[in-house]
Amino acid sequence: MTLEFRVPHDVDTDASPAPSAPAADRPRHGLRALLDRWAVRRAAARDRRIVEHLRELDDLQRLLTTAREVVERGWTQHAWFAYLDEHGRVRKASSAAAMDVQGRPLVAACLVGAVVSAAGGPQAVHSQPVQRALDLVWHALARDEGQPVAWCPAPDLRMARVRDLTSWNDAPTRTAAEVASLLLTAERVAVHESERVQARRVAASAT
C-alpha cells in the first residue's frame, strides 16, 4: 500500500522566520540607553550655548553700531569723554575720571569711550558687553576681519589691548572718520563670527 502525503494549499512550506528588527530600531537598555540619553542632553546643551552666543553677537553688533554713531556725533583724543559741566563748559574726562560724565551731556568720545558710552555709560566699563565689544574692535584693528575672534584674553592682555586701542585713537594723524571706519569693521567682524558659529550649529545638527 502506498502512503500519500498531501500538503494543504494554505501552508507555505517555504516560509522563512519573520526578520527581526534592525539593531538600530531595537530599544536599548542599561548602560547603552544611559549613554544615549546623556548624548541627547549634551547636544541640546551645546545648541543652547550656540544660540546664546549668536544672540550675544547680535547684541554686540548693535552696540558697535551705537558706538560708531557716538563717534560720528563727536570724537576726542587724549581723554575718554568730552562733556558739558554744570556751567555749560566743555570738560574732558580720562578713564580714571570717567564717572564725572555720569548724567552730563556727552559732547564727544574716543574709540574706547564710545564703546563704553554705547553700553550704558561709565558704570558699564567692566561689563561683559564692553569687554567683548573691545575684543571685536581690537580684532578689527590687529587681525584680518575674517579670522576667528580670540575671546576672553587674560586680564593683563586685555588691558594691553585697550592701551593699543587708546594709542591708535590718539595718534596725531588720526581722524574721526578712521575711528568710525574701524568700528564699522568691528561690526563686520561680529557678522563673520555669527556666520561661523551658525555654520558650526548646522554641522553639529547634521551629525
N, C-alpha and C. Protein backbone atom coordinates (compact mmCIF):
# COMPACT_ATOMS: atom_id res chain seq x y z
N MET A 1 0.85 -1.19 0.00
CA MET A 1 0.00 0.00 0.00
C MET A 1 0.89 1.23 0.00
N THR A 2 0.50 2.18 -0.80
CA THR A 2 1.30 3.41 -0.91
C THR A 2 0.66 4.51 -0.09
N LEU A 3 1.50 5.12 0.77
CA LEU A 3 1.01 6.25 1.58
C LEU A 3 1.25 7.53 0.82
N GLU A 4 0.27 8.35 0.76
CA GLU A 4 0.39 9.61 0.01
C GLU A 4 0.17 10.77 0.98
N PHE A 5 1.16 11.65 1.03
CA PHE A 5 1.05 12.81 1.92
C PHE A 5 0.64 14.03 1.10
N ARG A 6 -0.35 14.70 1.58
CA ARG A 6 -0.81 15.91 0.89
C ARG A 6 -0.54 17.12 1.79
N VAL A 7 -0.05 18.14 1.17
CA VAL A 7 0.23 19.38 1.90
C VAL A 7 -0.91 20.35 1.65
N PRO A 8 -1.56 20.83 2.68
CA PRO A 8 -2.65 21.79 2.46
C PRO A 8 -2.14 23.01 1.70
N HIS A 9 -3.02 23.52 0.82
CA HIS A 9 -2.60 24.64 -0.02
C HIS A 9 -2.39 25.93 0.75
N ASP A 10 -2.96 26.03 1.95
CA ASP A 10 -2.81 27.29 2.69
C ASP A 10 -1.58 27.30 3.59
N VAL A 11 -0.72 26.32 3.44
CA VAL A 11 0.51 26.28 4.23
C VAL A 11 1.67 26.59 3.31
N ASP A 12 2.45 27.58 3.67
CA ASP A 12 3.62 27.96 2.86
C ASP A 12 4.81 27.20 3.37
N THR A 13 5.18 26.17 2.62
CA THR A 13 6.29 25.33 3.08
C THR A 13 7.63 26.02 2.96
N ASP A 14 7.68 27.15 2.18
CA ASP A 14 8.95 27.86 2.02
C ASP A 14 9.06 29.08 2.92
N ALA A 15 8.08 29.25 3.82
CA ALA A 15 8.07 30.45 4.66
C ALA A 15 9.31 30.50 5.53
N SER A 16 9.90 31.69 5.63
CA SER A 16 11.07 31.90 6.47
C SER A 16 10.65 32.60 7.74
N PRO A 17 11.43 32.49 8.79
CA PRO A 17 11.09 33.20 10.04
C PRO A 17 11.03 34.71 9.79
N ALA A 18 10.11 35.39 10.47
CA ALA A 18 9.97 36.84 10.31
C ALA A 18 11.28 37.52 10.68
N PRO A 19 11.72 38.45 9.84
CA PRO A 19 13.00 39.13 10.15
C PRO A 19 12.89 39.92 11.43
N SER A 20 13.98 39.93 12.17
CA SER A 20 13.99 40.70 13.41
C SER A 20 14.25 42.17 13.10
N ALA A 21 13.87 43.03 14.02
CA ALA A 21 14.05 44.47 13.81
C ALA A 21 15.53 44.79 13.72
N PRO A 22 15.88 45.75 12.86
CA PRO A 22 17.29 46.16 12.78
C PRO A 22 17.80 46.57 14.16
N ALA A 23 19.09 46.41 14.34
CA ALA A 23 19.68 46.71 15.66
C ALA A 23 19.43 48.15 16.06
N ALA A 24 19.44 49.05 15.05
CA ALA A 24 19.26 50.47 15.38
C ALA A 24 17.86 50.77 15.88
N ASP A 25 16.86 49.88 15.51
CA ASP A 25 15.48 50.13 15.91
C ASP A 25 15.11 49.44 17.21
N ARG A 26 15.97 48.60 17.71
CA ARG A 26 15.65 47.89 18.94
C ARG A 26 15.80 48.82 20.14
N PRO A 27 14.90 48.73 21.09
CA PRO A 27 15.05 49.55 22.29
C PRO A 27 16.33 49.19 23.03
N ARG A 28 16.99 50.21 23.53
CA ARG A 28 18.25 49.98 24.24
C ARG A 28 18.01 50.06 25.73
N HIS A 29 18.77 49.30 26.45
CA HIS A 29 18.59 49.23 27.89
C HIS A 29 19.93 49.39 28.58
N GLY A 30 19.86 49.64 29.84
CA GLY A 30 21.06 49.67 30.65
C GLY A 30 22.00 50.80 30.29
N LEU A 31 23.28 50.47 30.25
CA LEU A 31 24.32 51.47 30.02
C LEU A 31 24.16 52.15 28.67
N ARG A 32 23.79 51.36 27.64
CA ARG A 32 23.65 51.94 26.30
C ARG A 32 22.56 53.01 26.28
N ALA A 33 21.44 52.74 26.92
CA ALA A 33 20.35 53.72 26.98
C ALA A 33 20.77 54.96 27.76
N LEU A 34 21.52 54.75 28.84
CA LEU A 34 22.00 55.88 29.63
C LEU A 34 22.93 56.76 28.82
N LEU A 35 23.81 56.15 28.06
CA LEU A 35 24.73 56.92 27.22
C LEU A 35 23.98 57.68 26.12
N ASP A 36 22.94 57.06 25.58
CA ASP A 36 22.14 57.73 24.55
C ASP A 36 21.46 58.97 25.12
N ARG A 37 20.88 58.84 26.31
CA ARG A 37 20.21 59.99 26.92
C ARG A 37 21.20 61.09 27.24
N TRP A 38 22.37 60.70 27.70
CA TRP A 38 23.41 61.68 28.01
C TRP A 38 23.85 62.42 26.75
N ALA A 39 23.97 61.70 25.63
CA ALA A 39 24.37 62.33 24.36
C ALA A 39 23.31 63.32 23.89
N VAL A 40 22.04 62.97 24.06
CA VAL A 40 20.96 63.88 23.66
C VAL A 40 20.98 65.14 24.50
N ARG A 41 21.15 64.98 25.81
CA ARG A 41 21.20 66.16 26.68
C ARG A 41 22.41 67.03 26.37
N ARG A 42 23.53 66.40 26.09
CA ARG A 42 24.74 67.16 25.77
C ARG A 42 24.55 67.94 24.48
N ALA A 43 23.93 67.32 23.47
CA ALA A 43 23.69 68.02 22.20
C ALA A 43 22.74 69.19 22.40
N ALA A 44 21.71 69.01 23.23
CA ALA A 44 20.76 70.10 23.49
C ALA A 44 21.45 71.25 24.22
N ALA A 45 22.31 70.93 25.18
CA ALA A 45 23.04 71.97 25.91
C ALA A 45 23.98 72.72 24.98
N ARG A 46 24.64 71.98 24.08
CA ARG A 46 25.54 72.63 23.13
C ARG A 46 24.78 73.57 22.21
N ASP A 47 23.61 73.16 21.78
CA ASP A 47 22.81 74.02 20.91
C ASP A 47 22.34 75.27 21.65
N ARG A 48 21.99 75.13 22.93
CA ARG A 48 21.58 76.31 23.70
C ARG A 48 22.73 77.30 23.82
N ARG A 49 23.94 76.78 24.03
CA ARG A 49 25.10 77.68 24.13
C ARG A 49 25.34 78.40 22.81
N ILE A 50 25.17 77.69 21.71
CA ILE A 50 25.36 78.32 20.40
C ILE A 50 24.33 79.41 20.17
N VAL A 51 23.08 79.13 20.52
CA VAL A 51 22.01 80.13 20.36
C VAL A 51 22.30 81.36 21.21
N GLU A 52 22.76 81.15 22.44
CA GLU A 52 23.10 82.27 23.31
C GLU A 52 24.25 83.09 22.73
N HIS A 53 25.24 82.40 22.16
CA HIS A 53 26.38 83.10 21.57
C HIS A 53 25.94 83.91 20.35
N LEU A 54 25.05 83.36 19.54
CA LEU A 54 24.54 84.10 18.39
C LEU A 54 23.77 85.34 18.83
N ARG A 55 22.99 85.18 19.89
CA ARG A 55 22.24 86.33 20.41
C ARG A 55 23.20 87.40 20.93
N GLU A 56 24.26 86.95 21.61
CA GLU A 56 25.25 87.90 22.12
C GLU A 56 25.93 88.65 20.97
N LEU A 57 26.26 87.94 19.91
CA LEU A 57 26.92 88.59 18.77
C LEU A 57 26.00 89.62 18.11
N ASP A 58 24.72 89.32 18.04
CA ASP A 58 23.77 90.31 17.52
C ASP A 58 23.76 91.56 18.41
N ASP A 59 23.76 91.34 19.72
CA ASP A 59 23.76 92.48 20.65
C ASP A 59 25.06 93.29 20.51
N LEU A 60 26.18 92.59 20.35
CA LEU A 60 27.46 93.29 20.20
C LEU A 60 27.50 94.09 18.91
N GLN A 61 26.93 93.56 17.87
CA GLN A 61 26.90 94.30 16.61
C GLN A 61 26.11 95.60 16.78
N ARG A 62 24.98 95.52 17.47
CA ARG A 62 24.18 96.73 17.70
C ARG A 62 24.93 97.71 18.60
N LEU A 63 25.64 97.19 19.60
CA LEU A 63 26.42 98.06 20.48
C LEU A 63 27.48 98.81 19.68
N LEU A 64 28.16 98.11 18.79
CA LEU A 64 29.21 98.74 17.98
C LEU A 64 28.62 99.76 17.01
N THR A 65 27.44 99.49 16.50
CA THR A 65 26.77 100.47 15.65
C THR A 65 26.49 101.75 16.43
N THR A 66 26.02 101.60 17.66
CA THR A 66 25.76 102.76 18.51
C THR A 66 27.05 103.50 18.82
N ALA A 67 28.14 102.75 19.08
CA ALA A 67 29.43 103.39 19.35
C ALA A 67 29.90 104.20 18.14
N ARG A 68 29.69 103.66 16.97
CA ARG A 68 30.08 104.39 15.75
C ARG A 68 29.27 105.69 15.63
N GLU A 69 28.01 105.63 15.97
CA GLU A 69 27.18 106.84 15.92
C GLU A 69 27.65 107.88 16.94
N VAL A 70 28.13 107.41 18.11
CA VAL A 70 28.68 108.32 19.11
C VAL A 70 29.87 109.07 18.53
N VAL A 71 30.78 108.33 17.89
CA VAL A 71 31.97 108.95 17.29
C VAL A 71 31.59 109.92 16.18
N GLU A 72 30.61 109.54 15.40
CA GLU A 72 30.19 110.42 14.29
C GLU A 72 29.58 111.72 14.80
N ARG A 73 29.02 111.70 16.00
CA ARG A 73 28.48 112.94 16.58
C ARG A 73 29.58 113.80 17.20
N GLY A 74 30.62 113.13 17.71
CA GLY A 74 31.72 113.88 18.33
C GLY A 74 32.83 112.95 18.76
N TRP A 75 34.05 113.30 18.40
CA TRP A 75 35.20 112.43 18.70
C TRP A 75 36.27 113.25 19.40
N THR A 76 36.99 112.60 20.30
CA THR A 76 38.04 113.30 21.03
C THR A 76 39.28 112.42 21.16
N GLN A 77 40.38 113.04 21.52
CA GLN A 77 41.64 112.35 21.76
C GLN A 77 42.17 112.70 23.15
N HIS A 78 43.04 111.82 23.66
CA HIS A 78 43.71 112.03 24.95
C HIS A 78 42.72 112.16 26.10
N ALA A 79 41.56 111.59 25.94
CA ALA A 79 40.56 111.51 27.00
C ALA A 79 39.50 110.52 26.53
N TRP A 80 38.77 109.96 27.49
CA TRP A 80 37.70 109.06 27.09
C TRP A 80 36.47 109.84 26.62
N PHE A 81 36.18 110.92 27.34
CA PHE A 81 34.96 111.67 27.06
C PHE A 81 35.22 113.17 27.08
N ALA A 82 34.40 113.89 26.33
CA ALA A 82 34.26 115.33 26.49
C ALA A 82 32.79 115.58 26.80
N TYR A 83 32.53 116.40 27.82
CA TYR A 83 31.15 116.60 28.27
C TYR A 83 30.96 118.04 28.73
N LEU A 84 29.71 118.41 28.93
CA LEU A 84 29.39 119.75 29.43
C LEU A 84 29.21 119.68 30.94
N ASP A 85 29.91 120.57 31.66
CA ASP A 85 29.73 120.60 33.11
C ASP A 85 28.50 121.43 33.46
N GLU A 86 28.31 121.66 34.75
CA GLU A 86 27.10 122.36 35.20
C GLU A 86 27.05 123.81 34.74
N HIS A 87 28.20 124.35 34.30
CA HIS A 87 28.24 125.73 33.81
C HIS A 87 28.22 125.80 32.29
N GLY A 88 28.04 124.65 31.64
CA GLY A 88 27.99 124.63 30.19
C GLY A 88 29.34 124.65 29.52
N ARG A 89 30.39 124.44 30.30
CA ARG A 89 31.73 124.42 29.73
C ARG A 89 32.11 122.99 29.35
N VAL A 90 32.90 122.87 28.28
CA VAL A 90 33.34 121.55 27.83
C VAL A 90 34.49 121.08 28.71
N ARG A 91 34.33 119.92 29.28
CA ARG A 91 35.36 119.30 30.10
C ARG A 91 35.74 117.96 29.48
N LYS A 92 36.96 117.53 29.77
CA LYS A 92 37.40 116.21 29.32
C LYS A 92 37.59 115.30 30.53
N ALA A 93 37.29 114.04 30.33
CA ALA A 93 37.43 113.06 31.41
C ALA A 93 38.25 111.88 30.90
N SER A 94 39.30 111.55 31.64
CA SER A 94 40.10 110.37 31.31
C SER A 94 39.38 109.13 31.83
N SER A 95 39.99 107.98 31.63
CA SER A 95 39.38 106.74 32.15
C SER A 95 39.25 106.80 33.67
N ALA A 96 40.22 107.43 34.34
CA ALA A 96 40.18 107.50 35.80
C ALA A 96 39.05 108.39 36.29
N ALA A 97 38.65 109.37 35.48
CA ALA A 97 37.60 110.30 35.89
C ALA A 97 36.32 110.09 35.09
N ALA A 98 36.16 108.89 34.55
CA ALA A 98 35.02 108.64 33.66
C ALA A 98 33.68 108.84 34.36
N MET A 99 33.62 108.58 35.66
CA MET A 99 32.35 108.72 36.36
C MET A 99 31.89 110.17 36.44
N ASP A 100 32.79 111.13 36.19
CA ASP A 100 32.39 112.54 36.18
C ASP A 100 31.39 112.83 35.06
N VAL A 101 31.36 111.96 34.06
CA VAL A 101 30.49 112.18 32.91
C VAL A 101 29.05 111.77 33.21
N GLN A 102 28.89 110.94 34.23
CA GLN A 102 27.57 110.39 34.52
C GLN A 102 26.54 111.50 34.70
N GLY A 103 25.49 111.45 33.89
CA GLY A 103 24.42 112.43 33.99
C GLY A 103 24.70 113.74 33.28
N ARG A 104 25.86 113.87 32.64
CA ARG A 104 26.22 115.10 31.94
C ARG A 104 26.02 114.93 30.43
N PRO A 105 25.70 116.00 29.71
CA PRO A 105 25.59 115.89 28.25
C PRO A 105 26.93 115.51 27.63
N LEU A 106 26.93 114.46 26.83
CA LEU A 106 28.16 113.99 26.20
C LEU A 106 28.39 114.78 24.91
N VAL A 107 29.60 115.31 24.79
CA VAL A 107 29.97 116.08 23.60
C VAL A 107 30.74 115.21 22.61
N ALA A 108 31.65 114.39 23.13
CA ALA A 108 32.49 113.57 22.26
C ALA A 108 33.04 112.40 23.06
N ALA A 109 33.57 111.42 22.34
CA ALA A 109 34.18 110.25 23.00
C ALA A 109 35.30 109.73 22.12
N CYS A 110 36.27 109.11 22.75
CA CYS A 110 37.32 108.44 21.99
C CYS A 110 36.81 107.06 21.57
N LEU A 111 37.66 106.27 20.96
CA LEU A 111 37.26 104.94 20.50
C LEU A 111 36.74 104.08 21.64
N VAL A 112 37.53 103.94 22.69
CA VAL A 112 37.12 103.11 23.83
C VAL A 112 35.94 103.76 24.55
N GLY A 113 35.99 105.06 24.73
CA GLY A 113 34.90 105.76 25.40
C GLY A 113 33.58 105.61 24.66
N ALA A 114 33.63 105.57 23.34
CA ALA A 114 32.40 105.40 22.57
C ALA A 114 31.77 104.04 22.83
N VAL A 115 32.59 103.01 22.95
CA VAL A 115 32.07 101.67 23.26
C VAL A 115 31.45 101.67 24.65
N VAL A 116 32.14 102.29 25.61
CA VAL A 116 31.61 102.37 26.97
C VAL A 116 30.29 103.13 26.99
N SER A 117 30.24 104.25 26.29
CA SER A 117 29.02 105.04 26.24
C SER A 117 27.88 104.25 25.61
N ALA A 118 28.17 103.53 24.54
CA ALA A 118 27.14 102.75 23.85
C ALA A 118 26.58 101.64 24.73
N ALA A 119 27.39 101.17 25.67
CA ALA A 119 26.95 100.08 26.56
C ALA A 119 26.17 100.60 27.76
N GLY A 120 26.06 101.91 27.90
CA GLY A 120 25.29 102.45 29.01
C GLY A 120 26.00 103.50 29.83
N GLY A 121 27.27 103.74 29.54
CA GLY A 121 28.00 104.78 30.27
C GLY A 121 29.09 104.21 31.15
N PRO A 122 29.76 105.08 31.91
CA PRO A 122 30.93 104.66 32.70
C PRO A 122 30.66 103.52 33.67
N GLN A 123 29.44 103.41 34.18
CA GLN A 123 29.16 102.33 35.12
C GLN A 123 29.22 100.95 34.46
N ALA A 124 29.22 100.92 33.12
CA ALA A 124 29.25 99.65 32.39
C ALA A 124 30.66 99.28 31.93
N VAL A 125 31.66 100.03 32.37
CA VAL A 125 33.00 99.86 31.81
C VAL A 125 33.55 98.45 32.01
N HIS A 126 33.20 97.81 33.12
CA HIS A 126 33.73 96.47 33.40
C HIS A 126 32.74 95.36 33.02
N SER A 127 31.67 95.71 32.35
CA SER A 127 30.66 94.71 31.99
C SER A 127 31.15 93.83 30.85
N GLN A 128 30.56 92.66 30.74
CA GLN A 128 30.96 91.75 29.66
C GLN A 128 30.69 92.32 28.28
N PRO A 129 29.55 93.00 28.03
CA PRO A 129 29.36 93.56 26.69
C PRO A 129 30.48 94.52 26.27
N VAL A 130 30.93 95.36 27.20
CA VAL A 130 32.03 96.27 26.87
C VAL A 130 33.30 95.48 26.57
N GLN A 131 33.62 94.52 27.41
CA GLN A 131 34.85 93.75 27.22
C GLN A 131 34.83 92.98 25.91
N ARG A 132 33.69 92.37 25.61
CA ARG A 132 33.59 91.58 24.38
C ARG A 132 33.58 92.49 23.14
N ALA A 133 32.93 93.64 23.25
CA ALA A 133 32.94 94.58 22.13
C ALA A 133 34.36 95.07 21.86
N LEU A 134 35.12 95.33 22.92
CA LEU A 134 36.50 95.77 22.73
C LEU A 134 37.35 94.65 22.13
N ASP A 135 37.03 93.39 22.46
CA ASP A 135 37.71 92.27 21.79
C ASP A 135 37.50 92.35 20.28
N LEU A 136 36.28 92.66 19.87
CA LEU A 136 35.98 92.75 18.44
C LEU A 136 36.68 93.95 17.80
N VAL A 137 36.73 95.07 18.52
CA VAL A 137 37.39 96.26 17.97
C VAL A 137 38.89 96.01 17.82
N TRP A 138 39.49 95.40 18.83
CA TRP A 138 40.93 95.10 18.73
C TRP A 138 41.19 94.13 17.58
N HIS A 139 40.32 93.14 17.43
CA HIS A 139 40.47 92.19 16.32
C HIS A 139 40.40 92.94 14.98
N ALA A 140 39.46 93.88 14.88
CA ALA A 140 39.33 94.67 13.64
C ALA A 140 40.59 95.47 13.36
N LEU A 141 41.27 95.89 14.42
CA LEU A 141 42.49 96.69 14.25
C LEU A 141 43.70 95.82 13.93
N ALA A 142 43.83 94.68 14.59
CA ALA A 142 45.08 93.93 14.55
C ALA A 142 45.04 92.63 13.76
N ARG A 143 43.86 92.17 13.37
CA ARG A 143 43.73 90.89 12.68
C ARG A 143 42.90 91.06 11.41
N ASP A 144 42.97 90.05 10.57
CA ASP A 144 42.09 90.03 9.41
C ASP A 144 40.66 89.84 9.89
N GLU A 145 39.73 90.61 9.35
CA GLU A 145 38.37 90.59 9.89
C GLU A 145 37.68 89.24 9.72
N GLY A 146 38.15 88.42 8.78
CA GLY A 146 37.53 87.12 8.57
C GLY A 146 38.06 86.01 9.45
N GLN A 147 39.12 86.29 10.21
CA GLN A 147 39.69 85.27 11.10
C GLN A 147 38.81 85.09 12.34
N PRO A 148 38.87 83.89 12.95
CA PRO A 148 38.11 83.69 14.20
C PRO A 148 38.59 84.64 15.29
N VAL A 149 37.67 85.08 16.10
CA VAL A 149 37.99 86.02 17.19
C VAL A 149 38.51 85.24 18.39
N ALA A 150 39.58 85.74 18.99
CA ALA A 150 40.11 85.15 20.22
C ALA A 150 39.42 85.82 21.41
N TRP A 151 38.44 85.13 21.97
CA TRP A 151 37.67 85.71 23.07
C TRP A 151 38.39 85.51 24.41
N CYS A 152 37.99 86.32 25.37
CA CYS A 152 38.38 86.16 26.78
C CYS A 152 39.90 86.07 26.97
N PRO A 153 40.65 87.06 26.52
CA PRO A 153 42.08 87.03 26.83
C PRO A 153 42.31 87.25 28.32
N ALA A 154 43.50 86.94 28.77
CA ALA A 154 43.84 87.16 30.18
C ALA A 154 43.72 88.64 30.51
N PRO A 155 43.42 88.98 31.78
CA PRO A 155 43.21 90.39 32.14
C PRO A 155 44.35 91.32 31.73
N ASP A 156 45.60 90.88 31.92
CA ASP A 156 46.70 91.76 31.55
C ASP A 156 46.78 91.95 30.04
N LEU A 157 46.45 90.90 29.29
CA LEU A 157 46.44 91.02 27.83
C LEU A 157 45.30 91.93 27.38
N ARG A 158 44.16 91.81 28.03
CA ARG A 158 43.03 92.67 27.67
C ARG A 158 43.37 94.14 27.94
N MET A 159 44.03 94.42 29.05
CA MET A 159 44.44 95.79 29.34
C MET A 159 45.43 96.29 28.30
N ALA A 160 46.34 95.41 27.87
CA ALA A 160 47.30 95.80 26.84
C ALA A 160 46.58 96.13 25.54
N ARG A 161 45.53 95.40 25.24
CA ARG A 161 44.77 95.68 24.02
C ARG A 161 44.03 97.00 24.13
N VAL A 162 43.51 97.31 25.30
CA VAL A 162 42.86 98.62 25.49
C VAL A 162 43.88 99.74 25.27
N ARG A 163 45.10 99.52 25.76
CA ARG A 163 46.16 100.53 25.52
C ARG A 163 46.47 100.64 24.04
N ASP A 164 46.45 99.51 23.33
CA ASP A 164 46.65 99.55 21.87
C ASP A 164 45.59 100.43 21.21
N LEU A 165 44.35 100.22 21.60
CA LEU A 165 43.25 100.99 21.01
C LEU A 165 43.36 102.47 21.36
N THR A 166 43.76 102.75 22.60
CA THR A 166 43.91 104.14 23.03
C THR A 166 45.03 104.83 22.26
N SER A 167 46.16 104.14 22.12
CA SER A 167 47.29 104.72 21.38
C SER A 167 46.92 104.96 19.93
N TRP A 168 46.21 104.03 19.35
CA TRP A 168 45.78 104.19 17.95
C TRP A 168 44.85 105.39 17.83
N ASN A 169 43.91 105.52 18.75
CA ASN A 169 42.97 106.64 18.73
C ASN A 169 43.70 107.98 18.85
N ASP A 170 44.76 108.02 19.68
CA ASP A 170 45.42 109.28 19.99
C ASP A 170 46.57 109.62 19.05
N ALA A 171 46.76 108.83 18.02
CA ALA A 171 47.83 109.13 17.05
C ALA A 171 47.59 110.52 16.45
N PRO A 172 48.66 111.30 16.26
CA PRO A 172 48.49 112.69 15.79
C PRO A 172 47.74 112.82 14.47
N THR A 173 47.89 111.85 13.60
CA THR A 173 47.24 111.96 12.29
C THR A 173 45.88 111.27 12.23
N ARG A 174 45.42 110.74 13.36
CA ARG A 174 44.14 110.02 13.36
C ARG A 174 42.98 110.97 13.09
N THR A 175 41.94 110.46 12.46
CA THR A 175 40.74 111.26 12.19
C THR A 175 39.51 110.54 12.72
N ALA A 176 38.46 111.31 12.91
CA ALA A 176 37.19 110.73 13.37
C ALA A 176 36.66 109.72 12.35
N ALA A 177 36.86 110.02 11.08
CA ALA A 177 36.38 109.10 10.04
C ALA A 177 37.07 107.75 10.14
N GLU A 178 38.36 107.75 10.46
CA GLU A 178 39.08 106.48 10.60
C GLU A 178 38.58 105.69 11.80
N VAL A 179 38.28 106.39 12.88
CA VAL A 179 37.76 105.71 14.07
C VAL A 179 36.39 105.10 13.78
N ALA A 180 35.54 105.86 13.12
CA ALA A 180 34.22 105.33 12.75
C ALA A 180 34.37 104.14 11.80
N SER A 181 35.34 104.21 10.90
CA SER A 181 35.56 103.11 9.96
C SER A 181 36.02 101.85 10.69
N LEU A 182 36.87 102.01 11.70
CA LEU A 182 37.31 100.85 12.47
C LEU A 182 36.13 100.20 13.19
N LEU A 183 35.25 101.01 13.75
CA LEU A 183 34.07 100.45 14.41
C LEU A 183 33.16 99.73 13.42
N LEU A 184 33.08 100.25 12.21
CA LEU A 184 32.30 99.57 11.18
C LEU A 184 32.93 98.22 10.83
N THR A 185 34.26 98.18 10.78
CA THR A 185 34.94 96.90 10.54
C THR A 185 34.66 95.93 11.68
N ALA A 186 34.64 96.43 12.90
CA ALA A 186 34.33 95.57 14.05
C ALA A 186 32.92 95.01 13.95
N GLU A 187 32.00 95.80 13.42
CA GLU A 187 30.64 95.28 13.19
C GLU A 187 30.68 94.11 12.21
N ARG A 188 31.48 94.24 11.16
CA ARG A 188 31.59 93.15 10.19
C ARG A 188 32.25 91.92 10.81
N VAL A 189 33.20 92.14 11.71
CA VAL A 189 33.82 91.02 12.42
C VAL A 189 32.74 90.24 13.18
N ALA A 190 31.84 90.96 13.82
CA ALA A 190 30.74 90.30 14.54
C ALA A 190 29.87 89.49 13.59
N VAL A 191 29.63 90.03 12.40
CA VAL A 191 28.83 89.30 11.40
C VAL A 191 29.55 88.03 10.96
N HIS A 192 30.84 88.15 10.67
CA HIS A 192 31.62 86.97 10.27
C HIS A 192 31.60 85.91 11.37
N GLU A 193 31.73 86.36 12.60
CA GLU A 193 31.74 85.42 13.72
C GLU A 193 30.38 84.73 13.85
N SER A 194 29.31 85.48 13.64
CA SER A 194 27.96 84.89 13.68
C SER A 194 27.81 83.82 12.60
N GLU A 195 28.30 84.12 11.42
CA GLU A 195 28.21 83.15 10.33
C GLU A 195 29.01 81.89 10.65
N ARG A 196 30.16 82.08 11.28
CA ARG A 196 31.00 80.93 11.64
C ARG A 196 30.31 80.07 12.70
N VAL A 197 29.72 80.72 13.68
CA VAL A 197 29.03 79.98 14.75
C VAL A 197 27.81 79.27 14.18
N GLN A 198 27.07 79.93 13.29
CA GLN A 198 25.89 79.32 12.69
C GLN A 198 26.29 78.10 11.86
N ALA A 199 27.41 78.18 11.16
CA ALA A 199 27.88 77.03 10.37
C ALA A 199 28.21 75.85 11.28
N ARG A 200 28.80 76.13 12.44
CA ARG A 200 29.08 75.06 13.39
C ARG A 200 27.79 74.43 13.90
N ARG A 201 26.78 75.25 14.09
CA ARG A 201 25.49 74.72 14.56
C ARG A 201 24.88 73.79 13.52
N VAL A 202 24.93 74.20 12.26
CA VAL A 202 24.38 73.36 11.19
C VAL A 202 25.15 72.05 11.09
N ALA A 203 26.48 72.14 11.19
CA ALA A 203 27.30 70.93 11.10
C ALA A 203 27.01 69.98 12.26
N ALA A 204 26.81 70.55 13.45
CA ALA A 204 26.53 69.72 14.62
C ALA A 204 25.18 69.03 14.51
N SER A 205 24.20 69.74 13.93
CA SER A 205 22.86 69.15 13.81
C SER A 205 22.82 68.04 12.76
N ALA A 206 23.80 68.04 11.86
CA ALA A 206 23.83 67.03 10.80
C ALA A 206 24.49 65.74 11.25
N THR A 207 25.14 65.76 12.40
CA THR A 207 25.83 64.56 12.88
C THR A 207 24.91 63.72 13.75
